[in-house]
Amino acid sequence: MAESALGQSADGAGGLVWRTVTLPVVVEAGQMASVRDALLVCLQQGEAARIDAREVCRISTAAIQVLVAAARTFNQSGAKLYYADPSDEFIEAFSDLGLYAHLADFIDISEGG
């Protein structure tokens, strides 16, 4: 099972700390526990989350549900979360479920997504 790769870097805007969670090529529900745990760490430590979705070729509906719930939790807590340069397949999967508007709210356009 592929696991999420985690990275950490400081953003120039006020020293905000971003944690990057990299999604694998194929994202299934079983892989989302590690993604969820990484995102919870971000919330607990006051870090912003960047979800790197550029390599995703396939993502399950259950995995999308976890990401939508995470984005809502971040939004409600005032924390920052965005999808960095999501692949066309990632975007299409959200669109197929009628969730493009949700996704569009969390895409960082400066990354080219």
N, C-alpha and C. Protein backbone atom coordinates (compact mmCIF):
# COMPACT_ATOMS: atom_id res chain seq x y z
N MET A 1 0.85 -1.18 0.00
CA MET A 1 0.00 0.00 0.00
C MET A 1 0.90 1.24 0.00
N ALA A 2 0.61 2.17 -0.90
CA ALA A 2 1.37 3.41 -0.97
C ALA A 2 0.92 4.33 0.16
N GLU A 3 1.86 5.01 0.77
CA GLU A 3 1.52 5.93 1.83
C GLU A 3 1.78 7.35 1.39
N SER A 4 1.18 8.27 2.08
CA SER A 4 1.37 9.68 1.77
C SER A 4 2.77 10.11 2.17
N ALA A 5 3.38 10.91 1.33
CA ALA A 5 4.67 11.48 1.67
C ALA A 5 4.41 12.83 2.33
N LEU A 6 5.09 13.09 3.41
CA LEU A 6 4.90 14.35 4.11
C LEU A 6 6.14 15.20 3.99
N GLY A 7 5.92 16.48 3.82
CA GLY A 7 7.02 17.42 3.78
C GLY A 7 6.59 18.67 4.52
N GLN A 8 7.54 19.49 4.88
CA GLN A 8 7.20 20.70 5.61
C GLN A 8 8.07 21.83 5.10
N SER A 9 7.46 22.99 4.91
CA SER A 9 8.22 24.14 4.48
C SER A 9 7.56 25.40 5.01
N ALA A 10 8.33 26.46 5.08
CA ALA A 10 7.79 27.74 5.54
C ALA A 10 7.43 28.59 4.34
N ASP A 11 6.25 29.14 4.38
CA ASP A 11 5.77 30.03 3.33
C ASP A 11 6.27 31.43 3.68
N GLY A 12 6.55 32.25 2.69
CA GLY A 12 7.05 33.59 2.93
C GLY A 12 6.02 34.53 3.55
N ALA A 13 4.75 34.19 3.48
CA ALA A 13 3.70 35.06 3.99
C ALA A 13 3.58 34.93 5.50
N GLY A 14 4.27 35.77 6.21
CA GLY A 14 4.16 35.80 7.66
C GLY A 14 4.71 34.58 8.35
N GLY A 15 5.56 33.82 7.66
CA GLY A 15 6.16 32.65 8.29
C GLY A 15 5.19 31.50 8.48
N LEU A 16 4.10 31.48 7.74
CA LEU A 16 3.13 30.41 7.84
C LEU A 16 3.80 29.09 7.48
N VAL A 17 3.58 28.07 8.29
CA VAL A 17 4.18 26.76 8.04
C VAL A 17 3.17 25.90 7.29
N TRP A 18 3.61 25.37 6.17
CA TRP A 18 2.78 24.49 5.34
C TRP A 18 3.30 23.07 5.47
N ARG A 19 2.40 22.12 5.57
CA ARG A 19 2.76 20.70 5.52
C ARG A 19 2.19 20.16 4.22
N THR A 20 3.02 19.49 3.43
CA THR A 20 2.58 18.92 2.16
C THR A 20 2.25 17.45 2.36
N VAL A 21 1.08 17.07 1.90
CA VAL A 21 0.64 15.69 1.90
C VAL A 21 0.52 15.28 0.44
N THR A 22 1.35 14.34 0.01
CA THR A 22 1.38 13.92 -1.39
C THR A 22 0.53 12.67 -1.57
N LEU A 23 -0.43 12.77 -2.46
CA LEU A 23 -1.29 11.62 -2.75
C LEU A 23 -0.61 10.71 -3.76
N PRO A 24 -0.82 9.39 -3.64
CA PRO A 24 -0.23 8.44 -4.60
C PRO A 24 -0.96 8.48 -5.94
N VAL A 25 -0.48 7.72 -6.88
CA VAL A 25 -1.07 7.65 -8.22
C VAL A 25 -2.50 7.12 -8.16
N VAL A 26 -2.71 6.06 -7.39
CA VAL A 26 -4.04 5.49 -7.20
C VAL A 26 -4.40 5.69 -5.73
N VAL A 27 -5.49 6.40 -5.49
CA VAL A 27 -5.90 6.73 -4.12
C VAL A 27 -7.16 5.93 -3.78
N GLU A 28 -7.01 5.01 -2.84
CA GLU A 28 -8.12 4.17 -2.39
C GLU A 28 -8.44 4.52 -0.94
N ALA A 29 -9.60 4.08 -0.49
CA ALA A 29 -10.06 4.39 0.87
C ALA A 29 -9.07 3.92 1.93
N GLY A 30 -8.45 2.78 1.73
CA GLY A 30 -7.51 2.25 2.71
C GLY A 30 -6.28 3.11 2.94
N GLN A 31 -5.97 3.95 2.00
CA GLN A 31 -4.80 4.82 2.13
C GLN A 31 -5.12 6.12 2.86
N MET A 32 -6.38 6.38 3.06
CA MET A 32 -6.78 7.68 3.58
C MET A 32 -6.54 7.85 5.08
N ALA A 33 -6.32 6.77 5.81
CA ALA A 33 -6.04 6.90 7.24
C ALA A 33 -4.76 7.71 7.46
N SER A 34 -3.73 7.43 6.66
CA SER A 34 -2.48 8.18 6.82
C SER A 34 -2.63 9.63 6.38
N VAL A 35 -3.44 9.86 5.36
CA VAL A 35 -3.71 11.23 4.91
C VAL A 35 -4.48 11.98 5.99
N ARG A 36 -5.54 11.34 6.51
CA ARG A 36 -6.34 11.95 7.59
C ARG A 36 -5.45 12.27 8.79
N ASP A 37 -4.59 11.33 9.18
CA ASP A 37 -3.71 11.55 10.33
C ASP A 37 -2.77 12.73 10.10
N ALA A 38 -2.22 12.83 8.89
CA ALA A 38 -1.32 13.94 8.57
C ALA A 38 -2.06 15.27 8.63
N LEU A 39 -3.30 15.29 8.14
CA LEU A 39 -4.08 16.52 8.17
C LEU A 39 -4.48 16.89 9.60
N LEU A 40 -4.75 15.90 10.43
CA LEU A 40 -5.04 16.19 11.84
C LEU A 40 -3.83 16.80 12.54
N VAL A 41 -2.64 16.32 12.21
CA VAL A 41 -1.42 16.91 12.77
C VAL A 41 -1.33 18.39 12.39
N CYS A 42 -1.64 18.68 11.14
CA CYS A 42 -1.63 20.09 10.69
C CYS A 42 -2.55 20.93 11.56
N LEU A 43 -3.76 20.46 11.76
CA LEU A 43 -4.72 21.21 12.57
C LEU A 43 -4.22 21.38 14.00
N GLN A 44 -3.70 20.32 14.58
CA GLN A 44 -3.23 20.36 15.97
C GLN A 44 -2.03 21.29 16.14
N GLN A 45 -1.19 21.37 15.12
CA GLN A 45 0.03 22.18 15.22
C GLN A 45 -0.14 23.57 14.60
N GLY A 46 -1.34 23.88 14.14
CA GLY A 46 -1.58 25.19 13.55
C GLY A 46 -0.92 25.39 12.21
N GLU A 47 -0.70 24.32 11.49
CA GLU A 47 -0.06 24.39 10.18
C GLU A 47 -1.12 24.39 9.08
N ALA A 48 -0.76 24.96 7.96
CA ALA A 48 -1.61 24.91 6.77
C ALA A 48 -1.28 23.62 6.02
N ALA A 49 -2.25 23.10 5.26
CA ALA A 49 -2.03 21.85 4.53
C ALA A 49 -2.10 22.09 3.03
N ARG A 50 -1.13 21.52 2.36
CA ARG A 50 -1.06 21.55 0.90
C ARG A 50 -1.16 20.09 0.45
N ILE A 51 -2.21 19.74 -0.27
CA ILE A 51 -2.39 18.38 -0.75
C ILE A 51 -1.90 18.32 -2.19
N ASP A 52 -0.80 17.62 -2.39
CA ASP A 52 -0.20 17.49 -3.72
C ASP A 52 -0.92 16.37 -4.45
N ALA A 53 -1.73 16.74 -5.43
CA ALA A 53 -2.55 15.78 -6.17
C ALA A 53 -2.12 15.67 -7.63
N ARG A 54 -0.93 16.10 -7.94
CA ARG A 54 -0.50 16.15 -9.35
C ARG A 54 -0.28 14.79 -9.97
N GLU A 55 0.00 13.75 -9.17
CA GLU A 55 0.28 12.42 -9.71
C GLU A 55 -0.94 11.51 -9.72
N VAL A 56 -2.07 11.96 -9.20
CA VAL A 56 -3.25 11.11 -9.08
C VAL A 56 -3.81 10.75 -10.45
N CYS A 57 -3.94 9.44 -10.70
CA CYS A 57 -4.56 8.94 -11.94
C CYS A 57 -5.94 8.37 -11.66
N ARG A 58 -6.16 7.93 -10.42
CA ARG A 58 -7.46 7.39 -10.05
C ARG A 58 -7.66 7.61 -8.56
N ILE A 59 -8.89 8.00 -8.18
CA ILE A 59 -9.22 8.23 -6.79
C ILE A 59 -10.63 7.70 -6.53
N SER A 60 -10.79 6.98 -5.43
CA SER A 60 -12.09 6.40 -5.11
C SER A 60 -13.03 7.45 -4.52
N THR A 61 -14.31 7.16 -4.60
CA THR A 61 -15.31 8.05 -4.03
C THR A 61 -15.10 8.19 -2.52
N ALA A 62 -14.77 7.10 -1.85
CA ALA A 62 -14.54 7.16 -0.40
C ALA A 62 -13.35 8.08 -0.07
N ALA A 63 -12.32 8.04 -0.88
CA ALA A 63 -11.16 8.92 -0.66
C ALA A 63 -11.56 10.38 -0.87
N ILE A 64 -12.38 10.64 -1.87
CA ILE A 64 -12.86 12.00 -2.10
C ILE A 64 -13.68 12.47 -0.90
N GLN A 65 -14.50 11.59 -0.34
CA GLN A 65 -15.30 11.97 0.83
C GLN A 65 -14.41 12.39 2.00
N VAL A 66 -13.30 11.69 2.19
CA VAL A 66 -12.37 12.06 3.27
C VAL A 66 -11.78 13.44 3.00
N LEU A 67 -11.39 13.70 1.75
CA LEU A 67 -10.80 15.00 1.41
C LEU A 67 -11.81 16.14 1.56
N VAL A 68 -13.06 15.90 1.18
CA VAL A 68 -14.10 16.92 1.33
C VAL A 68 -14.33 17.20 2.81
N ALA A 69 -14.41 16.17 3.62
CA ALA A 69 -14.60 16.36 5.06
C ALA A 69 -13.43 17.11 5.67
N ALA A 70 -12.22 16.79 5.24
CA ALA A 70 -11.04 17.49 5.75
C ALA A 70 -11.07 18.97 5.38
N ALA A 71 -11.41 19.25 4.13
CA ALA A 71 -11.46 20.65 3.69
C ALA A 71 -12.50 21.43 4.49
N ARG A 72 -13.65 20.81 4.75
CA ARG A 72 -14.68 21.48 5.55
C ARG A 72 -14.20 21.72 6.97
N THR A 73 -13.51 20.75 7.54
CA THR A 73 -12.98 20.90 8.90
C THR A 73 -11.96 22.02 8.96
N PHE A 74 -11.06 22.07 7.99
CA PHE A 74 -10.07 23.15 7.95
C PHE A 74 -10.77 24.49 7.82
N ASN A 75 -11.73 24.57 6.93
CA ASN A 75 -12.46 25.82 6.70
C ASN A 75 -13.17 26.28 7.97
N GLN A 76 -13.84 25.37 8.65
CA GLN A 76 -14.57 25.71 9.87
C GLN A 76 -13.65 26.15 11.00
N SER A 77 -12.41 25.62 11.01
CA SER A 77 -11.48 25.98 12.07
C SER A 77 -10.64 27.21 11.70
N GLY A 78 -10.82 27.72 10.49
CA GLY A 78 -10.06 28.88 10.06
C GLY A 78 -8.66 28.53 9.57
N ALA A 79 -8.36 27.25 9.43
CA ALA A 79 -7.05 26.81 8.94
C ALA A 79 -7.05 26.78 7.42
N LYS A 80 -5.86 26.79 6.83
CA LYS A 80 -5.73 26.80 5.38
C LYS A 80 -5.44 25.40 4.85
N LEU A 81 -6.13 25.06 3.76
CA LEU A 81 -5.91 23.80 3.06
C LEU A 81 -6.13 24.08 1.59
N TYR A 82 -5.26 23.53 0.75
CA TYR A 82 -5.52 23.62 -0.68
C TYR A 82 -4.91 22.43 -1.41
N TYR A 83 -5.44 22.17 -2.61
CA TYR A 83 -4.94 21.13 -3.48
C TYR A 83 -3.95 21.77 -4.44
N ALA A 84 -2.73 21.25 -4.46
CA ALA A 84 -1.68 21.81 -5.31
C ALA A 84 -1.67 21.09 -6.65
N ASP A 85 -1.87 21.85 -7.72
CA ASP A 85 -1.74 21.36 -9.08
C ASP A 85 -2.40 19.99 -9.28
N PRO A 86 -3.70 19.89 -9.00
CA PRO A 86 -4.37 18.59 -9.14
C PRO A 86 -4.37 18.11 -10.59
N SER A 87 -4.20 16.80 -10.75
CA SER A 87 -4.20 16.21 -12.09
C SER A 87 -5.59 16.33 -12.71
N ASP A 88 -5.64 16.18 -14.02
CA ASP A 88 -6.93 16.21 -14.71
C ASP A 88 -7.86 15.11 -14.19
N GLU A 89 -7.28 13.94 -13.90
CA GLU A 89 -8.08 12.82 -13.40
C GLU A 89 -8.65 13.12 -12.01
N PHE A 90 -7.88 13.81 -11.19
CA PHE A 90 -8.34 14.21 -9.85
C PHE A 90 -9.53 15.16 -9.99
N ILE A 91 -9.38 16.15 -10.85
CA ILE A 91 -10.45 17.13 -11.08
C ILE A 91 -11.68 16.44 -11.66
N GLU A 92 -11.47 15.55 -12.62
CA GLU A 92 -12.59 14.85 -13.25
C GLU A 92 -13.36 13.99 -12.23
N ALA A 93 -12.65 13.35 -11.32
CA ALA A 93 -13.32 12.53 -10.30
C ALA A 93 -14.24 13.38 -9.43
N PHE A 94 -13.77 14.55 -9.02
CA PHE A 94 -14.62 15.46 -8.24
C PHE A 94 -15.81 15.92 -9.09
N SER A 95 -15.55 16.26 -10.34
CA SER A 95 -16.61 16.73 -11.24
C SER A 95 -17.67 15.66 -11.46
N ASP A 96 -17.24 14.41 -11.62
CA ASP A 96 -18.18 13.31 -11.84
C ASP A 96 -19.14 13.15 -10.67
N LEU A 97 -18.71 13.56 -9.47
CA LEU A 97 -19.55 13.46 -8.28
C LEU A 97 -20.30 14.76 -7.99
N GLY A 98 -20.19 15.73 -8.91
CA GLY A 98 -20.86 17.01 -8.70
C GLY A 98 -20.18 17.88 -7.68
N LEU A 99 -18.88 17.66 -7.47
CA LEU A 99 -18.14 18.38 -6.43
C LEU A 99 -17.10 19.35 -7.00
N TYR A 100 -17.23 19.71 -8.27
CA TYR A 100 -16.24 20.62 -8.83
C TYR A 100 -16.23 21.96 -8.10
N ALA A 101 -17.39 22.48 -7.73
CA ALA A 101 -17.43 23.77 -7.03
C ALA A 101 -16.67 23.70 -5.73
N HIS A 102 -16.81 22.59 -5.01
CA HIS A 102 -16.04 22.41 -3.77
C HIS A 102 -14.55 22.42 -4.08
N LEU A 103 -14.16 21.64 -5.06
CA LEU A 103 -12.75 21.53 -5.42
C LEU A 103 -12.18 22.89 -5.83
N ALA A 104 -12.93 23.62 -6.63
CA ALA A 104 -12.47 24.92 -7.13
C ALA A 104 -12.17 25.89 -6.00
N ASP A 105 -12.88 25.77 -4.89
CA ASP A 105 -12.63 26.64 -3.74
C ASP A 105 -11.29 26.36 -3.08
N PHE A 106 -10.71 25.19 -3.33
CA PHE A 106 -9.49 24.79 -2.63
C PHE A 106 -8.30 24.56 -3.55
N ILE A 107 -8.41 24.94 -4.83
CA ILE A 107 -7.29 24.80 -5.75
C ILE A 107 -6.45 26.07 -5.67
N ASP A 108 -5.15 25.88 -5.55
CA ASP A 108 -4.24 27.03 -5.56
C ASP A 108 -3.87 27.35 -7.00
N ILE A 109 -4.42 28.44 -7.52
CA ILE A 109 -4.19 28.78 -8.91
C ILE A 109 -2.74 29.19 -9.18
N SER A 110 -2.01 29.60 -8.16
CA SER A 110 -0.60 29.97 -8.37
C SER A 110 0.25 28.74 -8.68
N GLU A 111 -0.27 27.53 -8.35
CA GLU A 111 0.45 26.30 -8.64
C GLU A 111 0.18 25.81 -10.04
N GLY A 112 -0.74 26.47 -10.75
CA GLY A 112 -1.04 26.07 -12.10
C GLY A 112 -2.21 25.12 -12.22
N GLY A 113 -2.95 24.89 -11.10
CA GLY A 113 -4.06 23.94 -11.10
C GLY A 113 -5.33 24.56 -11.58
